[in-house]
C-alpha cells in the first residue's frame, strides 16, 4: 500500500468513525469500539477487552442492495451478544449470536436505511464482525 493510499484510508476511517458518533454509542468511553459505517459497502464493529458489560448500541447503515453476508470473528469469555439487523422496511434480516467464525448469509432485505443493534448481556470478551453488501 502506498503512503498516499494509507493516508486516504486513515482519513476516510476517521471520517467514518466521526459520522458514527451520532449513534447511541455508550460503550465508547470505557471500551472505545471501532465502528466503520460505509454506505453500500460494509458496516463493521469491533470492541476489545469488554468486562461484564450489559448494554445495547444501535446504528443506521444505508444500503442500495438487500443481500449481505456477515463475517464474524468474536471471542466470548462469558455472557452473551445478540446481533439484530433490520432492513429498511423493518423486517428482521438476522437476529442471533455472533460466533467466533463462519460466515452467515441471511435472507435478502429491502434496500434503504438498515438498523444494526448489538445487545450485550454480562458480556466479557472481544466483539468483531462485519456486514458486507453482496
N, C-alpha and C. Protein backbone atom coordinates (compact mmCIF):
# COMPACT_ATOMS: atom_id res chain seq x y z
N UNK A 1 0.85 -1.18 0.00
CA UNK A 1 0.00 0.00 0.00
C UNK A 1 0.89 1.23 0.00
N UNK A 2 0.69 2.14 -0.92
CA UNK A 2 1.46 3.37 -0.97
C UNK A 2 1.09 4.26 0.20
N UNK A 3 1.99 5.19 0.55
CA UNK A 3 1.73 6.09 1.68
C UNK A 3 0.48 6.91 1.43
N UNK A 4 0.28 7.40 0.21
CA UNK A 4 -0.92 8.20 -0.08
C UNK A 4 -2.18 7.37 0.09
N UNK A 5 -2.15 6.08 -0.30
CA UNK A 5 -3.30 5.20 -0.11
C UNK A 5 -3.57 4.99 1.37
N UNK A 6 -2.50 4.79 2.14
CA UNK A 6 -2.64 4.60 3.58
C UNK A 6 -3.21 5.86 4.23
N UNK A 7 -2.75 7.03 3.82
CA UNK A 7 -3.25 8.28 4.36
C UNK A 7 -4.73 8.46 4.04
N UNK A 8 -5.10 8.18 2.79
CA UNK A 8 -6.50 8.28 2.39
C UNK A 8 -7.36 7.32 3.21
N UNK A 9 -6.87 6.08 3.38
CA UNK A 9 -7.62 5.09 4.16
C UNK A 9 -7.78 5.54 5.61
N UNK A 10 -6.72 6.10 6.19
CA UNK A 10 -6.77 6.56 7.57
C UNK A 10 -7.75 7.72 7.72
N UNK A 11 -7.67 8.70 6.82
CA UNK A 11 -8.57 9.85 6.88
C UNK A 11 -10.01 9.41 6.69
N UNK A 12 -10.23 8.51 5.72
CA UNK A 12 -11.58 8.00 5.49
C UNK A 12 -12.09 7.27 6.71
N UNK A 13 -11.24 6.46 7.33
CA UNK A 13 -11.64 5.73 8.53
C UNK A 13 -12.04 6.66 9.65
N UNK A 14 -11.25 7.73 9.89
CA UNK A 14 -11.59 8.69 10.93
C UNK A 14 -12.88 9.43 10.60
N UNK A 15 -13.06 9.76 9.34
CA UNK A 15 -14.29 10.44 8.94
C UNK A 15 -15.51 9.55 9.18
N UNK A 16 -15.37 8.27 8.85
CA UNK A 16 -16.48 7.34 9.06
C UNK A 16 -16.74 7.13 10.55
N UNK A 17 -15.68 7.05 11.34
CA UNK A 17 -15.87 6.93 12.78
C UNK A 17 -16.58 8.15 13.34
N UNK A 18 -16.20 9.32 12.86
CA UNK A 18 -16.85 10.54 13.32
C UNK A 18 -18.31 10.56 12.91
N UNK A 19 -18.63 10.05 11.73
CA UNK A 19 -20.03 10.03 11.29
C UNK A 19 -20.85 9.07 12.13
N UNK A 20 -20.22 8.06 12.69
CA UNK A 20 -20.93 7.10 13.54
C UNK A 20 -21.17 7.64 14.93
N UNK A 21 -20.51 8.74 15.29
CA UNK A 21 -20.64 9.27 16.64
C UNK A 21 -22.04 9.76 16.95
N UNK A 22 -22.86 9.98 15.95
CA UNK A 22 -24.22 10.41 16.19
C UNK A 22 -25.11 9.28 16.69
N UNK A 23 -24.59 8.08 16.70
CA UNK A 23 -25.40 6.95 17.15
C UNK A 23 -25.35 6.84 18.67
N UNK A 24 -26.17 5.94 19.19
CA UNK A 24 -26.20 5.68 20.62
C UNK A 24 -25.01 4.81 20.97
N UNK A 25 -23.88 5.42 21.27
CA UNK A 25 -22.63 4.70 21.43
C UNK A 25 -22.12 4.86 22.85
N UNK A 26 -22.78 4.22 23.80
CA UNK A 26 -22.40 4.37 25.21
C UNK A 26 -21.20 3.52 25.59
N UNK A 27 -20.78 2.60 24.75
CA UNK A 27 -19.60 1.80 25.05
C UNK A 27 -18.32 2.61 24.87
N UNK A 28 -18.36 3.66 24.08
CA UNK A 28 -17.15 4.38 23.68
C UNK A 28 -16.26 4.83 24.84
N UNK A 29 -16.78 5.44 25.89
CA UNK A 29 -15.86 5.93 26.92
C UNK A 29 -15.02 4.82 27.56
N UNK A 30 -15.61 3.69 27.84
CA UNK A 30 -14.87 2.64 28.52
C UNK A 30 -14.13 1.71 27.57
N UNK A 31 -14.69 1.42 26.40
CA UNK A 31 -14.13 0.38 25.55
C UNK A 31 -13.74 0.84 24.16
N UNK A 32 -14.07 2.05 23.80
CA UNK A 32 -13.70 2.64 22.52
C UNK A 32 -13.91 1.69 21.34
N UNK A 33 -15.17 1.31 21.08
CA UNK A 33 -15.39 0.42 19.93
C UNK A 33 -15.01 1.14 18.64
N UNK A 34 -14.53 0.35 17.71
CA UNK A 34 -14.21 0.87 16.39
C UNK A 34 -15.37 0.52 15.47
N UNK A 35 -15.98 1.54 14.90
CA UNK A 35 -17.12 1.35 14.01
C UNK A 35 -16.78 2.00 12.68
N UNK A 36 -16.93 1.22 11.61
CA UNK A 36 -16.77 1.77 10.26
C UNK A 36 -18.10 1.53 9.55
N UNK A 37 -18.72 2.61 9.12
CA UNK A 37 -20.05 2.56 8.53
C UNK A 37 -19.96 3.17 7.13
N UNK A 38 -19.73 2.33 6.15
CA UNK A 38 -19.57 2.79 4.77
C UNK A 38 -20.82 2.41 3.98
N UNK A 39 -21.66 3.39 3.62
CA UNK A 39 -22.87 3.08 2.87
C UNK A 39 -22.56 2.29 1.60
N UNK A 40 -23.41 1.31 1.31
CA UNK A 40 -23.32 0.48 0.11
C UNK A 40 -22.06 -0.37 0.01
N UNK A 41 -21.31 -0.48 1.10
CA UNK A 41 -20.11 -1.32 1.10
C UNK A 41 -20.14 -2.27 2.29
N UNK A 42 -19.92 -1.72 3.51
CA UNK A 42 -19.85 -2.57 4.69
C UNK A 42 -20.06 -1.77 5.96
N UNK A 43 -20.48 -2.49 6.99
CA UNK A 43 -20.57 -1.97 8.36
C UNK A 43 -19.74 -2.91 9.22
N UNK A 44 -18.79 -2.36 9.98
CA UNK A 44 -18.01 -3.23 10.86
C UNK A 44 -17.97 -2.66 12.26
N UNK A 45 -17.85 -3.57 13.23
CA UNK A 45 -17.89 -3.22 14.64
C UNK A 45 -16.85 -4.07 15.36
N UNK A 46 -16.03 -3.41 16.17
CA UNK A 46 -15.05 -4.13 16.97
C UNK A 46 -14.91 -3.45 18.32
N UNK A 47 -14.92 -4.24 19.39
CA UNK A 47 -14.66 -3.75 20.74
C UNK A 47 -13.87 -4.83 21.46
N UNK A 48 -12.78 -4.44 22.10
CA UNK A 48 -11.93 -5.41 22.77
C UNK A 48 -11.88 -5.15 24.27
N UNK A 49 -11.58 -6.19 25.02
CA UNK A 49 -11.39 -6.07 26.45
C UNK A 49 -12.64 -5.76 27.24
N UNK A 50 -13.79 -6.12 26.74
CA UNK A 50 -15.03 -5.86 27.47
C UNK A 50 -15.09 -6.77 28.70
N UNK A 51 -15.55 -6.22 29.82
CA UNK A 51 -15.65 -6.96 31.08
C UNK A 51 -17.02 -6.76 31.68
N UNK A 52 -17.85 -7.81 31.65
CA UNK A 52 -19.17 -7.82 32.29
C UNK A 52 -20.03 -6.61 31.88
N UNK A 53 -20.16 -6.41 30.58
CA UNK A 53 -20.91 -5.26 30.04
C UNK A 53 -22.33 -5.70 29.68
N UNK A 54 -23.30 -4.93 30.16
CA UNK A 54 -24.70 -5.10 29.76
C UNK A 54 -25.12 -3.78 29.13
N UNK A 55 -25.42 -3.83 27.84
CA UNK A 55 -25.73 -2.59 27.12
C UNK A 55 -26.26 -2.93 25.74
N UNK A 56 -26.75 -1.93 25.04
CA UNK A 56 -27.18 -2.08 23.65
C UNK A 56 -26.82 -0.81 22.90
N UNK A 57 -26.30 -0.98 21.69
CA UNK A 57 -25.99 0.16 20.82
C UNK A 57 -26.61 -0.11 19.46
N UNK A 58 -27.08 0.96 18.81
CA UNK A 58 -27.73 0.84 17.50
C UNK A 58 -27.11 1.81 16.52
N UNK A 59 -27.07 1.38 15.28
CA UNK A 59 -26.52 2.19 14.19
C UNK A 59 -27.42 2.07 12.97
N UNK A 60 -27.38 3.07 12.12
CA UNK A 60 -28.09 3.03 10.84
C UNK A 60 -27.06 2.87 9.74
N UNK A 61 -27.31 1.92 8.85
CA UNK A 61 -26.42 1.65 7.72
C UNK A 61 -27.25 1.70 6.45
N UNK A 62 -26.88 2.53 5.51
CA UNK A 62 -27.63 2.70 4.26
C UNK A 62 -27.08 1.79 3.17
N UNK A 63 -28.00 1.02 2.56
CA UNK A 63 -27.60 0.08 1.51
C UNK A 63 -28.52 0.22 0.31
N UNK A 64 -27.96 -0.01 -0.88
CA UNK A 64 -28.75 0.07 -2.10
C UNK A 64 -29.14 -1.31 -2.62
N UNK A 65 -28.62 -2.35 -1.96
CA UNK A 65 -28.94 -3.73 -2.31
C UNK A 65 -29.31 -4.45 -1.03
N UNK A 66 -30.17 -5.43 -1.13
CA UNK A 66 -30.64 -6.09 0.07
C UNK A 66 -29.92 -7.36 0.47
N UNK A 67 -28.93 -7.81 -0.30
CA UNK A 67 -28.24 -9.06 0.05
C UNK A 67 -26.91 -8.75 0.71
N UNK A 68 -26.69 -9.34 1.90
CA UNK A 68 -25.45 -9.11 2.65
C UNK A 68 -24.89 -10.44 3.13
N UNK A 69 -23.66 -10.38 3.61
CA UNK A 69 -23.02 -11.51 4.28
C UNK A 69 -22.40 -10.97 5.57
N UNK A 70 -22.49 -11.75 6.64
CA UNK A 70 -21.93 -11.34 7.93
C UNK A 70 -20.65 -12.15 8.15
N UNK A 71 -19.56 -11.44 8.44
CA UNK A 71 -18.26 -12.06 8.71
C UNK A 71 -17.97 -11.89 10.21
N UNK A 72 -18.18 -12.92 11.03
CA UNK A 72 -17.90 -12.80 12.47
C UNK A 72 -16.49 -13.26 12.82
N UNK A 73 -15.98 -12.71 13.91
CA UNK A 73 -14.70 -13.14 14.49
C UNK A 73 -14.70 -12.69 15.95
N UNK A 74 -15.56 -13.28 16.74
CA UNK A 74 -15.78 -12.84 18.11
C UNK A 74 -15.23 -13.87 19.09
N UNK A 75 -14.63 -13.40 20.19
CA UNK A 75 -14.11 -14.27 21.23
C UNK A 75 -14.82 -13.95 22.54
N UNK A 76 -15.81 -14.75 22.89
CA UNK A 76 -16.60 -14.53 24.09
C UNK A 76 -16.01 -15.32 25.25
N UNK A 77 -15.76 -14.61 26.36
CA UNK A 77 -15.29 -15.24 27.58
C UNK A 77 -16.49 -15.64 28.44
N UNK A 78 -17.46 -14.72 28.55
CA UNK A 78 -18.69 -15.00 29.30
C UNK A 78 -19.78 -14.04 28.85
N UNK A 79 -21.01 -14.38 29.20
CA UNK A 79 -22.15 -13.55 28.83
C UNK A 79 -22.61 -13.85 27.42
N UNK A 80 -23.44 -12.94 26.90
CA UNK A 80 -23.99 -13.17 25.56
C UNK A 80 -24.01 -11.88 24.75
N UNK A 81 -24.03 -12.08 23.44
CA UNK A 81 -24.15 -10.99 22.49
C UNK A 81 -25.20 -11.38 21.46
N UNK A 82 -26.08 -10.44 21.16
CA UNK A 82 -27.09 -10.65 20.13
C UNK A 82 -26.92 -9.54 19.09
N UNK A 83 -26.82 -9.95 17.84
CA UNK A 83 -26.78 -9.02 16.72
C UNK A 83 -28.14 -9.06 16.05
N UNK A 84 -28.77 -7.89 15.94
CA UNK A 84 -30.08 -7.77 15.30
C UNK A 84 -29.94 -6.82 14.13
N UNK A 85 -30.33 -7.28 12.95
CA UNK A 85 -30.27 -6.46 11.74
C UNK A 85 -31.67 -6.40 11.15
N UNK A 86 -32.17 -5.17 10.96
CA UNK A 86 -33.48 -4.97 10.32
C UNK A 86 -33.28 -4.19 9.03
N UNK A 87 -34.03 -4.59 8.00
CA UNK A 87 -33.92 -3.88 6.73
C UNK A 87 -34.71 -2.57 6.76
N UNK A 88 -34.74 -1.88 5.63
CA UNK A 88 -35.41 -0.58 5.56
C UNK A 88 -36.90 -0.66 5.83
N UNK A 89 -37.51 -1.81 5.60
CA UNK A 89 -38.93 -1.99 5.87
C UNK A 89 -39.22 -2.47 7.28
N UNK A 90 -38.19 -2.68 8.08
CA UNK A 90 -38.36 -3.14 9.45
C UNK A 90 -38.36 -4.65 9.62
N UNK A 91 -38.16 -5.40 8.51
CA UNK A 91 -38.11 -6.86 8.60
C UNK A 91 -36.78 -7.28 9.23
N UNK A 92 -36.83 -8.28 10.10
CA UNK A 92 -35.62 -8.79 10.74
C UNK A 92 -34.87 -9.66 9.72
N UNK A 93 -33.66 -9.24 9.40
CA UNK A 93 -32.80 -9.96 8.47
C UNK A 93 -31.96 -10.98 9.23
N UNK A 94 -31.51 -10.61 10.43
CA UNK A 94 -30.74 -11.52 11.27
C UNK A 94 -30.97 -11.14 12.72
N UNK A 95 -31.14 -12.15 13.56
CA UNK A 95 -31.25 -11.94 15.00
C UNK A 95 -30.64 -13.17 15.67
N UNK A 96 -29.41 -13.01 16.13
CA UNK A 96 -28.74 -14.15 16.74
C UNK A 96 -27.38 -13.77 17.26
N UNK A 97 -26.66 -14.77 17.69
CA UNK A 97 -25.33 -14.56 18.23
C UNK A 97 -24.32 -14.20 17.16
N UNK A 98 -23.12 -13.84 17.65
CA UNK A 98 -22.01 -13.54 16.76
C UNK A 98 -20.93 -14.58 17.07
N UNK A 99 -20.83 -15.62 16.23
CA UNK A 99 -19.90 -16.70 16.52
C UNK A 99 -18.44 -16.31 16.32
N UNK A 100 -17.56 -17.19 16.72
CA UNK A 100 -16.13 -16.95 16.58
C UNK A 100 -15.71 -16.96 15.11
N UNK A 101 -16.39 -17.74 14.29
CA UNK A 101 -16.05 -17.81 12.87
C UNK A 101 -17.22 -18.39 12.10
N UNK A 102 -17.09 -18.38 10.80
CA UNK A 102 -18.13 -18.94 9.93
C UNK A 102 -19.07 -17.88 9.42
N UNK A 103 -18.97 -17.57 8.15
CA UNK A 103 -19.82 -16.53 7.55
C UNK A 103 -21.29 -16.90 7.66
N UNK A 104 -22.12 -15.87 7.78
CA UNK A 104 -23.57 -16.02 7.88
C UNK A 104 -24.17 -15.30 6.68
N UNK A 105 -25.05 -15.98 5.94
CA UNK A 105 -25.73 -15.36 4.81
C UNK A 105 -27.22 -15.30 5.12
N UNK A 106 -27.68 -14.16 5.64
CA UNK A 106 -29.10 -14.03 5.96
C UNK A 106 -29.91 -13.80 4.68
N UNK A 107 -31.24 -13.89 4.77
CA UNK A 107 -32.06 -13.62 3.59
C UNK A 107 -31.93 -12.16 3.16
N UNK A 108 -32.22 -11.89 1.91
CA UNK A 108 -32.16 -10.52 1.38
C UNK A 108 -33.24 -9.67 2.04
N UNK A 109 -32.98 -8.37 2.10
CA UNK A 109 -33.93 -7.43 2.67
C UNK A 109 -34.13 -6.23 1.76
N UNK A 110 -35.00 -5.34 2.18
CA UNK A 110 -35.30 -4.14 1.39
C UNK A 110 -34.16 -3.13 1.49
N UNK A 111 -33.77 -2.57 0.36
CA UNK A 111 -32.73 -1.55 0.32
C UNK A 111 -33.20 -0.30 1.06
N UNK A 112 -32.23 0.46 1.55
CA UNK A 112 -32.52 1.70 2.27
C UNK A 112 -31.75 1.76 3.57
N UNK A 113 -32.33 2.39 4.58
CA UNK A 113 -31.68 2.55 5.88
C UNK A 113 -31.94 1.32 6.75
N UNK A 114 -30.90 0.55 7.01
CA UNK A 114 -30.98 -0.63 7.85
C UNK A 114 -30.58 -0.27 9.28
N UNK A 115 -31.13 -0.96 10.25
CA UNK A 115 -30.78 -0.73 11.65
C UNK A 115 -30.01 -1.94 12.17
N UNK A 116 -28.81 -1.68 12.69
CA UNK A 116 -27.97 -2.72 13.26
C UNK A 116 -27.86 -2.46 14.76
N UNK A 117 -28.28 -3.44 15.56
CA UNK A 117 -28.25 -3.31 17.02
C UNK A 117 -27.40 -4.43 17.61
N UNK A 118 -26.49 -4.05 18.50
CA UNK A 118 -25.65 -5.00 19.23
C UNK A 118 -26.10 -4.94 20.69
N UNK A 119 -26.56 -6.08 21.22
CA UNK A 119 -27.03 -6.14 22.61
C UNK A 119 -26.12 -7.09 23.39
N UNK A 120 -25.59 -6.58 24.49
CA UNK A 120 -24.68 -7.35 25.34
C UNK A 120 -25.34 -7.60 26.69
N UNK A 121 -25.19 -8.83 27.18
CA UNK A 121 -25.72 -9.18 28.50
C UNK A 121 -24.58 -9.81 29.30
N UNK A 122 -24.09 -9.07 30.32
CA UNK A 122 -22.97 -9.54 31.15
C UNK A 122 -21.83 -10.07 30.28
N UNK A 123 -21.52 -9.34 29.22
CA UNK A 123 -20.57 -9.79 28.21
C UNK A 123 -19.13 -9.46 28.59
N UNK A 124 -18.27 -10.46 28.44
CA UNK A 124 -16.83 -10.27 28.56
C UNK A 124 -16.19 -10.91 27.34
N UNK A 125 -15.21 -10.20 26.77
CA UNK A 125 -14.51 -10.73 25.61
C UNK A 125 -14.30 -9.67 24.56
N UNK A 126 -14.18 -10.12 23.33
CA UNK A 126 -13.92 -9.26 22.17
C UNK A 126 -15.02 -9.48 21.13
N UNK A 127 -15.54 -8.40 20.61
CA UNK A 127 -16.55 -8.46 19.55
C UNK A 127 -15.89 -7.98 18.27
N UNK A 128 -16.13 -8.72 17.20
CA UNK A 128 -15.61 -8.31 15.91
C UNK A 128 -16.48 -8.92 14.83
N UNK A 129 -17.15 -8.08 14.05
CA UNK A 129 -17.94 -8.57 12.93
C UNK A 129 -18.04 -7.49 11.87
N UNK A 130 -18.33 -7.94 10.65
CA UNK A 130 -18.58 -7.02 9.54
C UNK A 130 -19.80 -7.52 8.78
N UNK A 131 -20.64 -6.59 8.35
CA UNK A 131 -21.77 -6.89 7.49
C UNK A 131 -21.43 -6.26 6.14
N UNK A 132 -21.33 -7.08 5.12
CA UNK A 132 -20.87 -6.61 3.82
C UNK A 132 -21.92 -6.85 2.76
N UNK A 133 -22.13 -5.83 1.92
CA UNK A 133 -23.05 -6.00 0.79
C UNK A 133 -22.49 -7.02 -0.18
N UNK A 134 -23.41 -7.79 -0.78
CA UNK A 134 -23.02 -8.78 -1.79
C UNK A 134 -23.09 -8.17 -3.17
